[in-house]
């Protein structure tokens, strides 16, 4: 397994955190004043949120 270059690793972590916060806020898993979740949260909801945020993005450029 090859190590990711530092800029790519930083960008990947940043995008993952951004997706986690964005999707967590929109789905109401992260409490916020804009969206109130009408059904109870379950551990599976958080599992799917983490899995979505951590899934690798496909790049349109070829791997080097």
PDB file of N, CA and C in Angstrom:
ATOM      1  N   UNK A   1       0.841  -1.168   0.000  1.00  0.00           N
ATOM      2  CA  UNK A   1       0.000   0.000   0.000  1.00  0.00           C
ATOM      3  C   UNK A   1       0.891   1.237   0.000  1.00  0.00           C
ATOM      4  N   UNK A   2       0.589   2.169  -0.868  1.00  0.00           N
ATOM      5  CA  UNK A   2       1.390   3.383  -0.930  1.00  0.00           C
ATOM      6  C   UNK A   2       0.748   4.477  -0.088  1.00  0.00           C
ATOM      7  N   UNK A   3       1.582   5.322   0.456  1.00  0.00           N
ATOM      8  CA  UNK A   3       1.095   6.421   1.290  1.00  0.00           C
ATOM      9  C   UNK A   3       0.560   7.544   0.400  1.00  0.00           C
ATOM     10  N   UNK A   4      -0.487   8.206   0.859  1.00  0.00           N
ATOM     11  CA  UNK A   4      -1.029   9.340   0.125  1.00  0.00           C
ATOM     12  C   UNK A   4      -0.121  10.543   0.307  1.00  0.00           C
ATOM     13  N   UNK A   5       0.031  11.356  -0.735  1.00  0.00           N
ATOM     14  CA  UNK A   5       0.783  12.601  -0.567  1.00  0.00           C
ATOM     15  C   UNK A   5       0.078  13.491   0.468  1.00  0.00           C
ATOM     16  N   UNK A   6       0.845  14.258   1.220  1.00  0.00           N
ATOM     17  CA  UNK A   6       0.271  15.076   2.298  1.00  0.00           C
ATOM     18  C   UNK A   6      -0.853  16.009   1.843  1.00  0.00           C
ATOM     19  N   UNK A   7      -0.716  16.748   0.741  1.00  0.00           N
ATOM     20  CA  UNK A   7      -1.823  17.638   0.341  1.00  0.00           C
ATOM     21  C   UNK A   7      -3.115  16.851   0.051  1.00  0.00           C
ATOM     22  N   UNK A   8      -2.973  15.713  -0.558  1.00  0.00           N
ATOM     23  CA  UNK A   8      -4.151  14.907  -0.869  1.00  0.00           C
ATOM     24  C   UNK A   8      -4.780  14.346   0.403  1.00  0.00           C
ATOM     25  N   UNK A   9      -3.942  13.944   1.343  1.00  0.00           N
ATOM     26  CA  UNK A   9      -4.445  13.420   2.609  1.00  0.00           C
ATOM     27  C   UNK A   9      -5.193  14.508   3.373  1.00  0.00           C
ATOM     28  N   UNK A  10      -4.613  15.712   3.434  1.00  0.00           N
ATOM     29  CA  UNK A  10      -5.275  16.825   4.118  1.00  0.00           C
ATOM     30  C   UNK A  10      -6.603  17.167   3.458  1.00  0.00           C
ATOM     31  N   UNK A  11      -6.625  17.190   2.133  1.00  0.00           N
ATOM     32  CA  UNK A  11      -7.860  17.490   1.412  1.00  0.00           C
ATOM     33  C   UNK A  11      -8.900  16.402   1.646  1.00  0.00           C
ATOM     34  N   UNK A  12      -8.478  15.156   1.656  1.00  0.00           N
ATOM     35  CA  UNK A  12      -9.395  14.036   1.886  1.00  0.00           C
ATOM     36  C   UNK A  12     -10.018  14.097   3.274  1.00  0.00           C
ATOM     37  N   UNK A  13      -9.197  14.380   4.272  1.00  0.00           N
ATOM     38  CA  UNK A  13      -9.711  14.492   5.642  1.00  0.00           C
ATOM     39  C   UNK A  13     -10.663  15.685   5.744  1.00  0.00           C
ATOM     40  N   UNK A  14     -10.315  16.791   5.127  1.00  0.00           N
ATOM     41  CA  UNK A  14     -11.175  17.975   5.143  1.00  0.00           C
ATOM     42  C   UNK A  14     -12.523  17.729   4.481  1.00  0.00           C
ATOM     43  N   UNK A  15     -12.497  17.068   3.343  1.00  0.00           N
ATOM     44  CA  UNK A  15     -13.749  16.755   2.646  1.00  0.00           C
ATOM     45  C   UNK A  15     -14.591  15.796   3.478  1.00  0.00           C
ATOM     46  N   UNK A  16     -13.969  14.801   4.076  1.00  0.00           N
ATOM     47  CA  UNK A  16     -14.712  13.851   4.913  1.00  0.00           C
ATOM     48  C   UNK A  16     -15.367  14.552   6.101  1.00  0.00           C
ATOM     49  N   UNK A  17     -14.637  15.432   6.762  1.00  0.00           N
ATOM     50  CA  UNK A  17     -15.213  16.183   7.879  1.00  0.00           C
ATOM     51  C   UNK A  17     -16.342  17.099   7.410  1.00  0.00           C
ATOM     52  N   UNK A  18     -16.145  17.731   6.269  1.00  0.00           N
ATOM     53  CA  UNK A  18     -17.189  18.603   5.719  1.00  0.00           C
ATOM     54  C   UNK A  18     -18.458  17.830   5.384  1.00  0.00           C
ATOM     55  N   UNK A  19     -18.296  16.665   4.766  1.00  0.00           N
ATOM     56  CA  UNK A  19     -19.452  15.827   4.434  1.00  0.00           C
ATOM     57  C   UNK A  19     -20.138  15.357   5.707  1.00  0.00           C
ATOM     58  N   UNK A  20     -19.359  14.977   6.708  1.00  0.00           N
ATOM     59  CA  UNK A  20     -19.930  14.527   7.980  1.00  0.00           C
ATOM     60  C   UNK A  20     -20.783  15.627   8.604  1.00  0.00           C
ATOM     61  N   UNK A  21     -20.249  16.843   8.669  1.00  0.00           N
ATOM     62  CA  UNK A  21     -20.983  17.957   9.279  1.00  0.00           C
ATOM     63  C   UNK A  21     -22.202  18.329   8.438  1.00  0.00           C
ATOM     64  N   UNK A  22     -22.035  18.419   7.129  1.00  0.00           N
ATOM     65  CA  UNK A  22     -23.147  18.796   6.260  1.00  0.00           C
ATOM     66  C   UNK A  22     -24.276  17.774   6.326  1.00  0.00           C
ATOM     67  N   UNK A  23     -23.959  16.505   6.105  1.00  0.00           N
ATOM     68  CA  UNK A  23     -25.001  15.483   6.119  1.00  0.00           C
ATOM     69  C   UNK A  23     -25.561  15.274   7.521  1.00  0.00           C
ATOM     70  N   UNK A  24     -24.712  15.411   8.527  1.00  0.00           N
ATOM     71  CA  UNK A  24     -25.189  15.273   9.897  1.00  0.00           C
ATOM     72  C   UNK A  24     -26.171  16.369  10.261  1.00  0.00           C
ATOM     73  N   UNK A  25     -25.914  17.577   9.798  1.00  0.00           N
ATOM     74  CA  UNK A  25     -26.822  18.697  10.075  1.00  0.00           C
ATOM     75  C   UNK A  25     -28.128  18.544   9.303  1.00  0.00           C
ATOM     76  N   UNK A  26     -28.037  18.169   8.035  1.00  0.00           N
ATOM     77  CA  UNK A  26     -29.225  18.038   7.194  1.00  0.00           C
ATOM     78  C   UNK A  26     -30.138  16.907   7.679  1.00  0.00           C
ATOM     79  N   UNK A  27     -29.561  15.836   8.157  1.00  0.00           N
ATOM     80  CA  UNK A  27     -30.371  14.707   8.612  1.00  0.00           C
ATOM     81  C   UNK A  27     -30.779  14.823  10.066  1.00  0.00           C
ATOM     82  N   UNK A  28     -30.284  15.831  10.765  1.00  0.00           N
ATOM     83  CA  UNK A  28     -30.639  16.029  12.161  1.00  0.00           C
ATOM     84  C   UNK A  28     -29.881  15.141  13.128  1.00  0.00           C
ATOM     85  N   UNK A  29     -28.869  14.451  12.659  1.00  0.00           N
ATOM     86  CA  UNK A  29     -28.070  13.629  13.571  1.00  0.00           C
ATOM     87  C   UNK A  29     -27.161  14.498  14.423  1.00  0.00           C
ATOM     88  N   UNK A  30     -26.756  15.628  13.894  1.00  0.00           N
ATOM     89  CA  UNK A  30     -26.030  16.625  14.676  1.00  0.00           C
ATOM     90  C   UNK A  30     -27.041  17.706  15.040  1.00  0.00           C
ATOM     91  N   UNK A  31     -27.316  17.866  16.320  1.00  0.00           N
ATOM     92  CA  UNK A  31     -28.348  18.829  16.728  1.00  0.00           C
ATOM     93  C   UNK A  31     -28.043  20.237  16.209  1.00  0.00           C
ATOM     94  N   UNK A  32     -29.062  20.877  15.648  1.00  0.00           N
ATOM     95  CA  UNK A  32     -28.920  22.233  15.156  1.00  0.00           C
ATOM     96  C   UNK A  32     -30.280  22.920  15.196  1.00  0.00           C
ATOM     97  N   UNK A  33     -30.314  24.251  15.208  1.00  0.00           N
ATOM     98  CA  UNK A  33     -31.582  24.972  15.308  1.00  0.00           C
ATOM     99  C   UNK A  33     -32.368  25.021  13.997  1.00  0.00           C
ATOM    100  N   UNK A  34     -31.751  24.650  12.892  1.00  0.00           N
ATOM    101  CA  UNK A  34     -32.408  24.751  11.590  1.00  0.00           C
ATOM    102  C   UNK A  34     -33.304  23.549  11.310  1.00  0.00           C
ATOM    103  N   UNK A  35     -32.848  22.376  11.654  1.00  0.00           N
ATOM    104  CA  UNK A  35     -33.589  21.154  11.328  1.00  0.00           C
ATOM    105  C   UNK A  35     -33.805  20.340  12.598  1.00  0.00           C
ATOM    106  N   UNK A  36     -35.053  20.001  12.867  1.00  0.00           N
ATOM    107  CA  UNK A  36     -35.392  19.203  14.036  1.00  0.00           C
ATOM    108  C   UNK A  36     -35.809  17.819  13.555  1.00  0.00           C
ATOM    109  N   UNK A  37     -35.146  16.804  14.042  1.00  0.00           N
ATOM    110  CA  UNK A  37     -35.438  15.422  13.644  1.00  0.00           C
ATOM    111  C   UNK A  37     -36.692  14.939  14.359  1.00  0.00           C
ATOM    112  N   UNK A  38     -37.646  14.415  13.596  1.00  0.00           N
ATOM    113  CA  UNK A  38     -38.926  13.993  14.153  1.00  0.00           C
ATOM    114  C   UNK A  38     -38.919  12.549  14.655  1.00  0.00           C
ATOM    115  N   UNK A  39     -37.950  11.761  14.233  1.00  0.00           N
ATOM    116  CA  UNK A  39     -37.860  10.378  14.703  1.00  0.00           C
ATOM    117  C   UNK A  39     -36.581  10.224  15.513  1.00  0.00           C
ATOM    118  N   UNK A  40     -36.572   9.249  16.367  1.00  0.00           N
ATOM    119  CA  UNK A  40     -35.406   9.078  17.239  1.00  0.00           C
ATOM    120  C   UNK A  40     -34.180   8.626  16.441  1.00  0.00           C
ATOM    121  N   UNK A  41     -33.028   9.006  16.948  1.00  0.00           N
ATOM    122  CA  UNK A  41     -31.764   8.605  16.322  1.00  0.00           C
ATOM    123  C   UNK A  41     -31.397   7.207  16.807  1.00  0.00           C
ATOM    124  N   UNK A  42     -30.817   6.422  15.933  1.00  0.00           N
ATOM    125  CA  UNK A  42     -30.368   5.085  16.300  1.00  0.00           C
ATOM    126  C   UNK A  42     -28.875   4.971  16.001  1.00  0.00           C
ATOM    127  N   UNK A  43     -28.204   4.007  16.605  1.00  0.00           N
ATOM    128  CA  UNK A  43     -26.785   3.810  16.277  1.00  0.00           C
ATOM    129  C   UNK A  43     -26.565   3.539  14.779  1.00  0.00           C
ATOM    130  N   UNK A  44     -27.519   2.887  14.134  1.00  0.00           N
ATOM    131  CA  UNK A  44     -27.381   2.617  12.697  1.00  0.00           C
ATOM    132  C   UNK A  44     -27.341   3.912  11.896  1.00  0.00           C
ATOM    133  N   UNK A  45     -28.084   4.933  12.325  1.00  0.00           N
ATOM    134  CA  UNK A  45     -28.062   6.220  11.633  1.00  0.00           C
ATOM    135  C   UNK A  45     -26.656   6.811  11.652  1.00  0.00           C
ATOM    136  N   UNK A  46     -26.019   6.747  12.804  1.00  0.00           N
ATOM    137  CA  UNK A  46     -24.655   7.264  12.919  1.00  0.00           C
ATOM    138  C   UNK A  46     -23.670   6.399  12.128  1.00  0.00           C
ATOM    139  N   UNK A  47     -23.891   5.102  12.102  1.00  0.00           N
ATOM    140  CA  UNK A  47     -23.035   4.213  11.310  1.00  0.00           C
ATOM    141  C   UNK A  47     -23.092   4.585   9.836  1.00  0.00           C
ATOM    142  N   UNK A  48     -24.308   4.810   9.317  1.00  0.00           N
ATOM    143  CA  UNK A  48     -24.451   5.181   7.905  1.00  0.00           C
ATOM    144  C   UNK A  48     -23.859   6.561   7.633  1.00  0.00           C
ATOM    145  N   UNK A  49     -23.971   7.474   8.575  1.00  0.00           N
ATOM    146  CA  UNK A  49     -23.378   8.800   8.411  1.00  0.00           C
ATOM    147  C   UNK A  49     -21.858   8.704   8.318  1.00  0.00           C
ATOM    148  N   UNK A  50     -21.250   7.948   9.215  1.00  0.00           N
ATOM    149  CA  UNK A  50     -19.791   7.787   9.194  1.00  0.00           C
ATOM    150  C   UNK A  50     -19.353   7.058   7.933  1.00  0.00           C
ATOM    151  N   UNK A  51     -20.092   6.029   7.531  1.00  0.00           N
ATOM    152  CA  UNK A  51     -19.732   5.280   6.319  1.00  0.00           C
ATOM    153  C   UNK A  51     -19.823   6.164   5.081  1.00  0.00           C
ATOM    154  N   UNK A  52     -20.825   7.026   5.034  1.00  0.00           N
ATOM    155  CA  UNK A  52     -20.973   7.933   3.894  1.00  0.00           C
ATOM    156  C   UNK A  52     -19.837   8.951   3.863  1.00  0.00           C
ATOM    157  N   UNK A  53     -19.510   9.511   5.003  1.00  0.00           N
ATOM    158  CA  UNK A  53     -18.455  10.528   5.060  1.00  0.00           C
ATOM    159  C   UNK A  53     -17.078   9.928   4.776  1.00  0.00           C
ATOM    160  N   UNK A  54     -16.875   8.670   5.136  1.00  0.00           N
ATOM    161  CA  UNK A  54     -15.563   8.048   4.979  1.00  0.00           C
ATOM    162  C   UNK A  54     -15.384   7.340   3.646  1.00  0.00           C
ATOM    163  N   UNK A  55     -16.446   7.227   2.849  1.00  0.00           N
ATOM    164  CA  UNK A  55     -16.324   6.498   1.583  1.00  0.00           C
ATOM    165  C   UNK A  55     -15.422   7.276   0.633  1.00  0.00           C
ATOM    166  N   UNK A  56     -14.583   6.561  -0.103  1.00  0.00           N
ATOM    167  CA  UNK A  56     -13.643   7.242  -0.992  1.00  0.00           C
ATOM    168  C   UNK A  56     -14.353   7.888  -2.171  1.00  0.00           C
ATOM    169  N   UNK A  57     -13.935   9.076  -2.500  1.00  0.00           N
ATOM    170  CA  UNK A  57     -14.498   9.780  -3.656  1.00  0.00           C
ATOM    171  C   UNK A  57     -13.764   9.333  -4.915  1.00  0.00           C
ATOM    172  N   UNK A  58     -14.484   9.246  -5.966  1.00  0.00           N
ATOM    173  CA  UNK A  58     -13.882   8.883  -7.252  1.00  0.00           C
ATOM    174  C   UNK A  58     -13.436  10.153  -7.965  1.00  0.00           C
ATOM    175  N   UNK A  59     -12.240  10.164  -8.407  1.00  0.00           N
ATOM    176  CA  UNK A  59     -11.697  11.318  -9.092  1.00  0.00           C
ATOM    177  C   UNK A  59     -11.830  11.146 -10.594  1.00  0.00           C
ATOM    178  N   UNK A  60     -12.027  12.256 -11.302  1.00  0.00           N
ATOM    179  CA  UNK A  60     -12.121  12.175 -12.746  1.00  0.00           C
ATOM    180  C   UNK A  60     -10.739  12.074 -13.385  1.00  0.00           C
ATOM    181  N   UNK A  61      -9.701  12.357 -12.610  1.00  0.00           N
ATOM    182  CA  UNK A  61      -8.346  12.252 -13.151  1.00  0.00           C
ATOM    183  C   UNK A  61      -7.806  10.850 -12.881  1.00  0.00           C
ATOM    184  N   UNK A  62      -6.911  10.426 -13.680  1.00  0.00           N
ATOM    185  CA  UNK A  62      -6.345   9.088 -13.508  1.00  0.00           C
ATOM    186  C   UNK A  62      -5.337   9.079 -12.357  1.00  0.00           C
ATOM    187  N   UNK A  63      -5.230   7.936 -11.715  1.00  0.00           N
ATOM    188  CA  UNK A  63      -4.274   7.788 -10.616  1.00  0.00           C
ATOM    189  C   UNK A  63      -2.854   7.795 -11.166  1.00  0.00           C
ATOM    190  N   UNK A  64      -1.962   8.364 -10.403  1.00  0.00           N
ATOM    191  CA  UNK A  64      -0.558   8.449 -10.879  1.00  0.00           C
ATOM    192  C   UNK A  64       0.286   7.434 -10.197  1.00  0.00           C
TER     193      UNK A  64
END
